[in-house]
Amino acid sequence: MRKSLLAAAAVLTLAGVSGASAQTTVIERDAPDRVVVDRPATTSSTTVERRERTDGCSSKTVTKENDMGDRKTVTKEACD
């Protein structure tokens, strides 16, 4: 009786393993085409200004201007 139970358990275990390995799913995805945009070279000027104060704070200001006259200024301040 014990041998028949062990044999039945072994058969069920092997059936479960083969059933699990038969369920394989492969998903293939095509990557979209890449677009490369060539931009003309521009002449822009960049100015960086750094300041340190006596109270331990410092600031950095970056100003960029392109050849069409558009200007953008960004200031970052940090205190210890």
PDB file of N, CA and C in Angstrom:
ATOM      1  N   MET A   1       0.821  -1.175   0.000  1.00  0.00           N
ATOM      2  CA  MET A   1       0.000   0.000   0.000  1.00  0.00           C
ATOM      3  C   MET A   1       0.878   1.258   0.000  1.00  0.00           C
ATOM      4  N   ARG A   2       1.916   1.203   0.824  1.00  0.00           N
ATOM      5  CA  ARG A   2       2.810   2.342   0.917  1.00  0.00           C
ATOM      6  C   ARG A   2       3.526   2.564  -0.407  1.00  0.00           C
ATOM      7  N   LYS A   3       3.926   1.488  -1.068  1.00  0.00           N
ATOM      8  CA  LYS A   3       4.617   1.600  -2.351  1.00  0.00           C
ATOM      9  C   LYS A   3       3.695   2.173  -3.418  1.00  0.00           C
ATOM     10  N   SER A   4       2.436   1.794  -3.392  1.00  0.00           N
ATOM     11  CA  SER A   4       1.512   2.298  -4.399  1.00  0.00           C
ATOM     12  C   SER A   4       1.232   3.781  -4.183  1.00  0.00           C
ATOM     13  N   LEU A   5       1.193   4.234  -2.927  1.00  0.00           N
ATOM     14  CA  LEU A   5       1.005   5.660  -2.651  1.00  0.00           C
ATOM     15  C   LEU A   5       2.217   6.464  -3.110  1.00  0.00           C
ATOM     16  N   LEU A   6       3.412   5.957  -2.863  1.00  0.00           N
ATOM     17  CA  LEU A   6       4.619   6.653  -3.304  1.00  0.00           C
ATOM     18  C   LEU A   6       4.695   6.693  -4.823  1.00  0.00           C
ATOM     19  N   ALA A   7       4.324   5.631  -5.479  1.00  0.00           N
ATOM     20  CA  ALA A   7       4.331   5.583  -6.940  1.00  0.00           C
ATOM     21  C   ALA A   7       3.316   6.575  -7.501  1.00  0.00           C
ATOM     22  N   ALA A   8       2.139   6.646  -6.889  1.00  0.00           N
ATOM     23  CA  ALA A   8       1.109   7.577  -7.346  1.00  0.00           C
ATOM     24  C   ALA A   8       1.569   9.021  -7.145  1.00  0.00           C
ATOM     25  N   ALA A   9       2.221   9.290  -6.013  1.00  0.00           N
ATOM     26  CA  ALA A   9       2.720  10.641  -5.739  1.00  0.00           C
ATOM     27  C   ALA A   9       3.804  11.013  -6.736  1.00  0.00           C
ATOM     28  N   ALA A  10       4.668  10.089  -7.083  1.00  0.00           N
ATOM     29  CA  ALA A  10       5.725  10.356  -8.050  1.00  0.00           C
ATOM     30  C   ALA A  10       5.140  10.633  -9.421  1.00  0.00           C
ATOM     31  N   VAL A  11       4.136   9.905  -9.823  1.00  0.00           N
ATOM     32  CA  VAL A  11       3.505  10.101 -11.132  1.00  0.00           C
ATOM     33  C   VAL A  11       2.829  11.469 -11.178  1.00  0.00           C
ATOM     34  N   LEU A  12       2.133  11.850 -10.110  1.00  0.00           N
ATOM     35  CA  LEU A  12       1.464  13.144 -10.074  1.00  0.00           C
ATOM     36  C   LEU A  12       2.480  14.295 -10.084  1.00  0.00           C
ATOM     37  N   THR A  13       3.588  14.108  -9.395  1.00  0.00           N
ATOM     38  CA  THR A  13       4.628  15.133  -9.372  1.00  0.00           C
ATOM     39  C   THR A  13       5.224  15.316 -10.755  1.00  0.00           C
ATOM     40  N   LEU A  14       5.536  14.235 -11.448  1.00  0.00           N
ATOM     41  CA  LEU A  14       6.090  14.322 -12.797  1.00  0.00           C
ATOM     42  C   LEU A  14       5.089  14.928 -13.770  1.00  0.00           C
ATOM     43  N   ALA A  15       3.826  14.623 -13.598  1.00  0.00           N
ATOM     44  CA  ALA A  15       2.797  15.191 -14.473  1.00  0.00           C
ATOM     45  C   ALA A  15       2.689  16.694 -14.258  1.00  0.00           C
ATOM     46  N   GLY A  16       2.815  17.128 -13.007  1.00  0.00           N
ATOM     47  CA  GLY A  16       2.765  18.565 -12.716  1.00  0.00           C
ATOM     48  C   GLY A  16       3.955  19.302 -13.272  1.00  0.00           C
ATOM     49  N   VAL A  17       5.130  18.712 -13.214  1.00  0.00           N
ATOM     50  CA  VAL A  17       6.339  19.355 -13.729  1.00  0.00           C
ATOM     51  C   VAL A  17       6.269  19.472 -15.241  1.00  0.00           C
ATOM     52  N   SER A  18       5.829  18.423 -15.918  1.00  0.00           N
ATOM     53  CA  SER A  18       5.764  18.486 -17.377  1.00  0.00           C
ATOM     54  C   SER A  18       4.670  19.438 -17.825  1.00  0.00           C
ATOM     55  N   GLY A  19       3.579  19.547 -17.074  1.00  0.00           N
ATOM     56  CA  GLY A  19       2.515  20.482 -17.418  1.00  0.00           C
ATOM     57  C   GLY A  19       2.956  21.922 -17.245  1.00  0.00           C
ATOM     58  N   ALA A  20       3.761  22.190 -16.236  1.00  0.00           N
ATOM     59  CA  ALA A  20       4.227  23.550 -15.990  1.00  0.00           C
ATOM     60  C   ALA A  20       5.240  23.982 -17.040  1.00  0.00           C
ATOM     61  N   SER A  21       6.072  23.085 -17.494  1.00  0.00           N
ATOM     62  CA  SER A  21       7.077  23.445 -18.493  1.00  0.00           C
ATOM     63  C   SER A  21       6.470  23.609 -19.873  1.00  0.00           C
ATOM     64  N   ALA A  22       5.286  23.070 -20.106  1.00  0.00           N
ATOM     65  CA  ALA A  22       4.652  23.178 -21.418  1.00  0.00           C
ATOM     66  C   ALA A  22       4.002  24.544 -21.606  1.00  0.00           C
ATOM     67  N   GLN A  23       3.835  25.313 -20.539  1.00  0.00           N
ATOM     68  CA  GLN A  23       3.188  26.611 -20.630  1.00  0.00           C
ATOM     69  C   GLN A  23       4.237  27.715 -20.737  1.00  0.00           C
ATOM     70  N   THR A  24       4.818  27.841 -21.900  1.00  0.00           N
ATOM     71  CA  THR A  24       5.833  28.860 -22.151  1.00  0.00           C
ATOM     72  C   THR A  24       5.258  29.897 -23.094  1.00  0.00           C
ATOM     73  N   THR A  25       5.365  31.161 -22.722  1.00  0.00           N
ATOM     74  CA  THR A  25       4.853  32.251 -23.539  1.00  0.00           C
ATOM     75  C   THR A  25       6.019  33.118 -23.973  1.00  0.00           C
ATOM     76  N   VAL A  26       6.101  33.401 -25.248  1.00  0.00           N
ATOM     77  CA  VAL A  26       7.147  34.248 -25.793  1.00  0.00           C
ATOM     78  C   VAL A  26       6.485  35.506 -26.333  1.00  0.00           C
ATOM     79  N   ILE A  27       6.907  36.668 -25.843  1.00  0.00           N
ATOM     80  CA  ILE A  27       6.364  37.943 -26.301  1.00  0.00           C
ATOM     81  C   ILE A  27       7.469  38.675 -27.040  1.00  0.00           C
ATOM     82  N   GLU A  28       7.214  38.978 -28.283  1.00  0.00           N
ATOM     83  CA  GLU A  28       8.193  39.704 -29.089  1.00  0.00           C
ATOM     84  C   GLU A  28       7.629  41.075 -29.402  1.00  0.00           C
ATOM     85  N   ARG A  29       8.458  42.076 -29.207  1.00  0.00           N
ATOM     86  CA  ARG A  29       8.017  43.441 -29.481  1.00  0.00           C
ATOM     87  C   ARG A  29       8.980  44.073 -30.459  1.00  0.00           C
ATOM     88  N   ASP A  30       8.425  44.733 -31.431  1.00  0.00           N
ATOM     89  CA  ASP A  30       9.247  45.452 -32.395  1.00  0.00           C
ATOM     90  C   ASP A  30       9.471  46.867 -31.882  1.00  0.00           C
ATOM     91  N   ALA A  31      10.710  47.301 -31.919  1.00  0.00           N
ATOM     92  CA  ALA A  31      11.033  48.654 -31.499  1.00  0.00           C
ATOM     93  C   ALA A  31      10.602  49.635 -32.584  1.00  0.00           C
ATOM     94  N   PRO A  32      10.129  50.812 -32.196  1.00  0.00           N
ATOM     95  CA  PRO A  32       9.735  51.788 -33.217  1.00  0.00           C
ATOM     96  C   PRO A  32      10.966  52.306 -33.963  1.00  0.00           C
ATOM     97  N   ASP A  33      10.727  52.773 -35.183  1.00  0.00           N
ATOM     98  CA  ASP A  33      11.822  53.341 -35.964  1.00  0.00           C
ATOM     99  C   ASP A  33      12.362  54.579 -35.258  1.00  0.00           C
ATOM    100  N   ARG A  34      13.651  54.777 -35.348  1.00  0.00           N
ATOM    101  CA  ARG A  34      14.277  55.929 -34.705  1.00  0.00           C
ATOM    102  C   ARG A  34      14.328  57.092 -35.676  1.00  0.00           C
ATOM    103  N   VAL A  35      14.130  58.260 -35.133  1.00  0.00           N
ATOM    104  CA  VAL A  35      14.164  59.475 -35.928  1.00  0.00           C
ATOM    105  C   VAL A  35      15.363  60.299 -35.479  1.00  0.00           C
ATOM    106  N   VAL A  36      16.184  60.682 -36.434  1.00  0.00           N
ATOM    107  CA  VAL A  36      17.351  61.505 -36.141  1.00  0.00           C
ATOM    108  C   VAL A  36      17.107  62.872 -36.758  1.00  0.00           C
ATOM    109  N   VAL A  37      17.191  63.906 -35.918  1.00  0.00           N
ATOM    110  CA  VAL A  37      16.956  65.267 -36.386  1.00  0.00           C
ATOM    111  C   VAL A  37      18.285  66.004 -36.363  1.00  0.00           C
ATOM    112  N   ASP A  38      18.688  66.499 -37.524  1.00  0.00           N
ATOM    113  CA  ASP A  38      19.910  67.293 -37.605  1.00  0.00           C
ATOM    114  C   ASP A  38      19.536  68.753 -37.378  1.00  0.00           C
ATOM    115  N   ARG A  39      20.149  69.340 -36.375  1.00  0.00           N
ATOM    116  CA  ARG A  39      19.886  70.744 -36.082  1.00  0.00           C
ATOM    117  C   ARG A  39      21.076  71.562 -36.549  1.00  0.00           C
ATOM    118  N   PRO A  40      20.807  72.728 -37.099  1.00  0.00           N
ATOM    119  CA  PRO A  40      21.920  73.566 -37.554  1.00  0.00           C
ATOM    120  C   PRO A  40      22.727  74.071 -36.363  1.00  0.00           C
ATOM    121  N   ALA A  41      23.994  74.270 -36.592  1.00  0.00           N
ATOM    122  CA  ALA A  41      24.864  74.776 -35.542  1.00  0.00           C
ATOM    123  C   ALA A  41      24.486  76.219 -35.226  1.00  0.00           C
ATOM    124  N   THR A  42      24.396  76.524 -33.961  1.00  0.00           N
ATOM    125  CA  THR A  42      24.053  77.880 -33.561  1.00  0.00           C
ATOM    126  C   THR A  42      25.226  78.489 -32.809  1.00  0.00           C
ATOM    127  N   THR A  43      25.288  79.775 -32.871  1.00  0.00           N
ATOM    128  CA  THR A  43      26.308  80.487 -32.108  1.00  0.00           C
ATOM    129  C   THR A  43      25.605  81.093 -30.909  1.00  0.00           C
ATOM    130  N   SER A  44      25.864  80.548 -29.755  1.00  0.00           N
ATOM    131  CA  SER A  44      25.242  81.059 -28.546  1.00  0.00           C
ATOM    132  C   SER A  44      26.321  81.422 -27.546  1.00  0.00           C
ATOM    133  N   SER A  45      25.989  82.354 -26.689  1.00  0.00           N
ATOM    134  CA  SER A  45      26.952  82.752 -25.667  1.00  0.00           C
ATOM    135  C   SER A  45      26.394  82.358 -24.305  1.00  0.00           C
ATOM    136  N   THR A  46      27.285  81.918 -23.439  1.00  0.00           N
ATOM    137  CA  THR A  46      26.911  81.517 -22.093  1.00  0.00           C
ATOM    138  C   THR A  46      27.787  82.262 -21.106  1.00  0.00           C
ATOM    139  N   THR A  47      27.141  82.867 -20.097  1.00  0.00           N
ATOM    140  CA  THR A  47      27.854  83.594 -19.058  1.00  0.00           C
ATOM    141  C   THR A  47      27.513  82.957 -17.722  1.00  0.00           C
ATOM    142  N   VAL A  48      28.534  82.634 -16.936  1.00  0.00           N
ATOM    143  CA  VAL A  48      28.343  82.041 -15.621  1.00  0.00           C
ATOM    144  C   VAL A  48      28.913  83.000 -14.593  1.00  0.00           C
ATOM    145  N   GLU A  49      28.111  83.330 -13.574  1.00  0.00           N
ATOM    146  CA  GLU A  49      28.534  84.245 -12.518  1.00  0.00           C
ATOM    147  C   GLU A  49      28.313  83.566 -11.176  1.00  0.00           C
ATOM    148  N   ARG A  50      29.355  83.507 -10.355  1.00  0.00           N
ATOM    149  CA  ARG A  50      29.268  82.891  -9.027  1.00  0.00           C
ATOM    150  C   ARG A  50      29.552  83.948  -7.970  1.00  0.00           C
ATOM    151  N   ARG A  51      28.739  83.915  -6.890  1.00  0.00           N
ATOM    152  CA  ARG A  51      28.916  84.855  -5.779  1.00  0.00           C
ATOM    153  C   ARG A  51      28.870  84.100  -4.466  1.00  0.00           C
ATOM    154  N   GLU A  52      29.762  84.473  -3.563  1.00  0.00           N
ATOM    155  CA  GLU A  52      29.776  83.905  -2.216  1.00  0.00           C
ATOM    156  C   GLU A  52      29.575  85.044  -1.237  1.00  0.00           C
ATOM    157  N   ARG A  53      28.643  84.852  -0.305  1.00  0.00           N
ATOM    158  CA  ARG A  53      28.376  85.889   0.688  1.00  0.00           C
ATOM    159  C   ARG A  53      29.007  85.507   2.013  1.00  0.00           C
ATOM    160  N   THR A  54      29.080  86.472   2.919  1.00  0.00           N
ATOM    161  CA  THR A  54      29.729  86.239   4.217  1.00  0.00           C
ATOM    162  C   THR A  54      28.881  85.379   5.138  1.00  0.00           C
ATOM    163  N   ASP A  55      27.574  85.243   4.880  1.00  0.00           N
ATOM    164  CA  ASP A  55      26.709  84.443   5.750  1.00  0.00           C
ATOM    165  C   ASP A  55      26.706  82.958   5.378  1.00  0.00           C
ATOM    166  N   GLY A  56      27.582  82.525   4.471  1.00  0.00           N
ATOM    167  CA  GLY A  56      27.690  81.115   4.113  1.00  0.00           C
ATOM    168  C   GLY A  56      26.848  80.715   2.914  1.00  0.00           C
ATOM    169  N   CYS A  57      26.128  81.654   2.321  1.00  0.00           N
ATOM    170  CA  CYS A  57      25.309  81.348   1.148  1.00  0.00           C
ATOM    171  C   CYS A  57      26.101  81.658  -0.120  1.00  0.00           C
ATOM    172  N   SER A  58      25.795  80.927  -1.176  1.00  0.00           N
ATOM    173  CA  SER A  58      26.433  81.179  -2.455  1.00  0.00           C
ATOM    174  C   SER A  58      25.366  81.104  -3.547  1.00  0.00           C
ATOM    175  N   SER A  59      25.591  81.812  -4.648  1.00  0.00           N
ATOM    176  CA  SER A  59      24.647  81.788  -5.745  1.00  0.00           C
ATOM    177  C   SER A  59      25.406  81.622  -7.055  1.00  0.00           C
ATOM    178  N   LYS A  60      24.733  81.012  -8.016  1.00  0.00           N
ATOM    179  CA  LYS A  60      25.304  80.803  -9.342  1.00  0.00           C
ATOM    180  C   LYS A  60      24.250  81.228 -10.350  1.00  0.00           C
ATOM    181  N   THR A  61      24.616  82.128 -11.241  1.00  0.00           N
ATOM    182  CA  THR A  61      23.708  82.632 -12.263  1.00  0.00           C
ATOM    183  C   THR A  61      24.267  82.273 -13.627  1.00  0.00           C
ATOM    184  N   VAL A  62      23.456  81.609 -14.450  1.00  0.00           N
ATOM    185  CA  VAL A  62      23.853  81.223 -15.794  1.00  0.00           C
ATOM    186  C   VAL A  62      22.924  81.935 -16.770  1.00  0.00           C
ATOM    187  N   THR A  63      23.512  82.672 -17.708  1.00  0.00           N
ATOM    188  CA  THR A  63      22.750  83.385 -18.733  1.00  0.00           C
ATOM    189  C   THR A  63      23.165  82.856 -20.098  1.00  0.00           C
ATOM    190  N   LYS A  64      22.176  82.442 -20.886  1.00  0.00           N
ATOM    191  CA  LYS A  64      22.438  81.944 -22.240  1.00  0.00           C
ATOM    192  C   LYS A  64      21.679  82.821 -23.228  1.00  0.00           C
ATOM    193  N   GLU A  65      22.357  83.153 -24.339  1.00  0.00           N
ATOM    194  CA  GLU A  65      21.734  83.933 -25.395  1.00  0.00           C
ATOM    195  C   GLU A  65      22.080  83.300 -26.733  1.00  0.00           C
ATOM    196  N   ASN A  66      21.070  83.071 -27.582  1.00  0.00           N
ATOM    197  CA  ASN A  66      21.327  82.458 -28.883  1.00  0.00           C
ATOM    198  C   ASN A  66      21.512  83.539 -29.941  1.00  0.00           C
ATOM    199  N   ASP A  67      21.741  83.113 -31.180  1.00  0.00           N
ATOM    200  CA  ASP A  67      22.034  84.059 -32.248  1.00  0.00           C
ATOM    201  C   ASP A  67      20.820  84.874 -32.675  1.00  0.00           C
ATOM    202  N   MET A  68      19.623  84.478 -32.255  1.00  0.00           N
ATOM    203  CA  MET A  68      18.425  85.245 -32.581  1.00  0.00           C
ATOM    204  C   MET A  68      18.111  86.286 -31.516  1.00  0.00           C
ATOM    205  N   GLY A  69      18.898  86.341 -30.464  1.00  0.00           N
ATOM    206  CA  GLY A  69      18.699  87.335 -29.412  1.00  0.00           C
ATOM    207  C   GLY A  69      17.856  86.857 -28.247  1.00  0.00           C
ATOM    208  N   ASP A  70      17.427  85.604 -28.266  1.00  0.00           N
ATOM    209  CA  ASP A  70      16.654  85.068 -27.143  1.00  0.00           C
ATOM    210  C   ASP A  70      17.595  84.821 -25.973  1.00  0.00           C
ATOM    211  N   ARG A  71      17.178  85.263 -24.777  1.00  0.00           N
ATOM    212  CA  ARG A  71      18.032  85.156 -23.597  1.00  0.00           C
ATOM    213  C   ARG A  71      17.276  84.439 -22.489  1.00  0.00           C
ATOM    214  N   LYS A  72      17.989  83.564 -21.762  1.00  0.00           N
ATOM    215  CA  LYS A  72      17.419  82.854 -20.628  1.00  0.00           C
ATOM    216  C   LYS A  72      18.415  82.904 -19.472  1.00  0.00           C
ATOM    217  N   THR A  73      17.927  83.274 -18.288  1.00  0.00           N
ATOM    218  CA  THR A  73      18.782  83.372 -17.109  1.00  0.00           C
ATOM    219  C   THR A  73      18.211  82.474 -16.013  1.00  0.00           C
ATOM    220  N   VAL A  74      19.089  81.677 -15.393  1.00  0.00           N
ATOM    221  CA  VAL A  74      18.707  80.777 -14.310  1.00  0.00           C
ATOM    222  C   VAL A  74      19.659  81.042 -13.147  1.00  0.00           C
ATOM    223  N   THR A  75      19.069  81.222 -11.938  1.00  0.00           N
ATOM    224  CA  THR A  75      19.862  81.462 -10.744  1.00  0.00           C
ATOM    225  C   THR A  75      19.592  80.360  -9.728  1.00  0.00           C
ATOM    226  N   LYS A  76      20.670  79.850  -9.147  1.00  0.00           N
ATOM    227  CA  LYS A  76      20.560  78.801  -8.117  1.00  0.00           C
ATOM    228  C   LYS A  76      21.280  79.303  -6.879  1.00  0.00           C
ATOM    229  N   GLU A  77      20.618  79.177  -5.720  1.00  0.00           N
ATOM    230  CA  GLU A  77      21.206  79.659  -4.471  1.00  0.00           C
ATOM    231  C   GLU A  77      21.239  78.525  -3.455  1.00  0.00           C
ATOM    232  N   ALA A  78      22.355  78.436  -2.732  1.00  0.00           N
ATOM    233  CA  ALA A  78      22.504  77.388  -1.727  1.00  0.00           C
ATOM    234  C   ALA A  78      23.092  77.994  -0.457  1.00  0.00           C
ATOM    235  N   CYS A  79      22.561  77.571   0.682  1.00  0.00           N
ATOM    236  CA  CYS A  79      23.047  78.049   1.978  1.00  0.00           C
ATOM    237  C   CYS A  79      23.454  76.843   2.822  1.00  0.00           C
ATOM    238  N   ASP A  80      24.566  76.961   3.510  1.00  0.00           N
ATOM    239  CA  ASP A  80      25.047  75.865   4.361  1.00  0.00           C
ATOM    240  C   ASP A  80      24.375  75.894   5.710  1.00  0.00           C
TER     241      ASP A  80
END
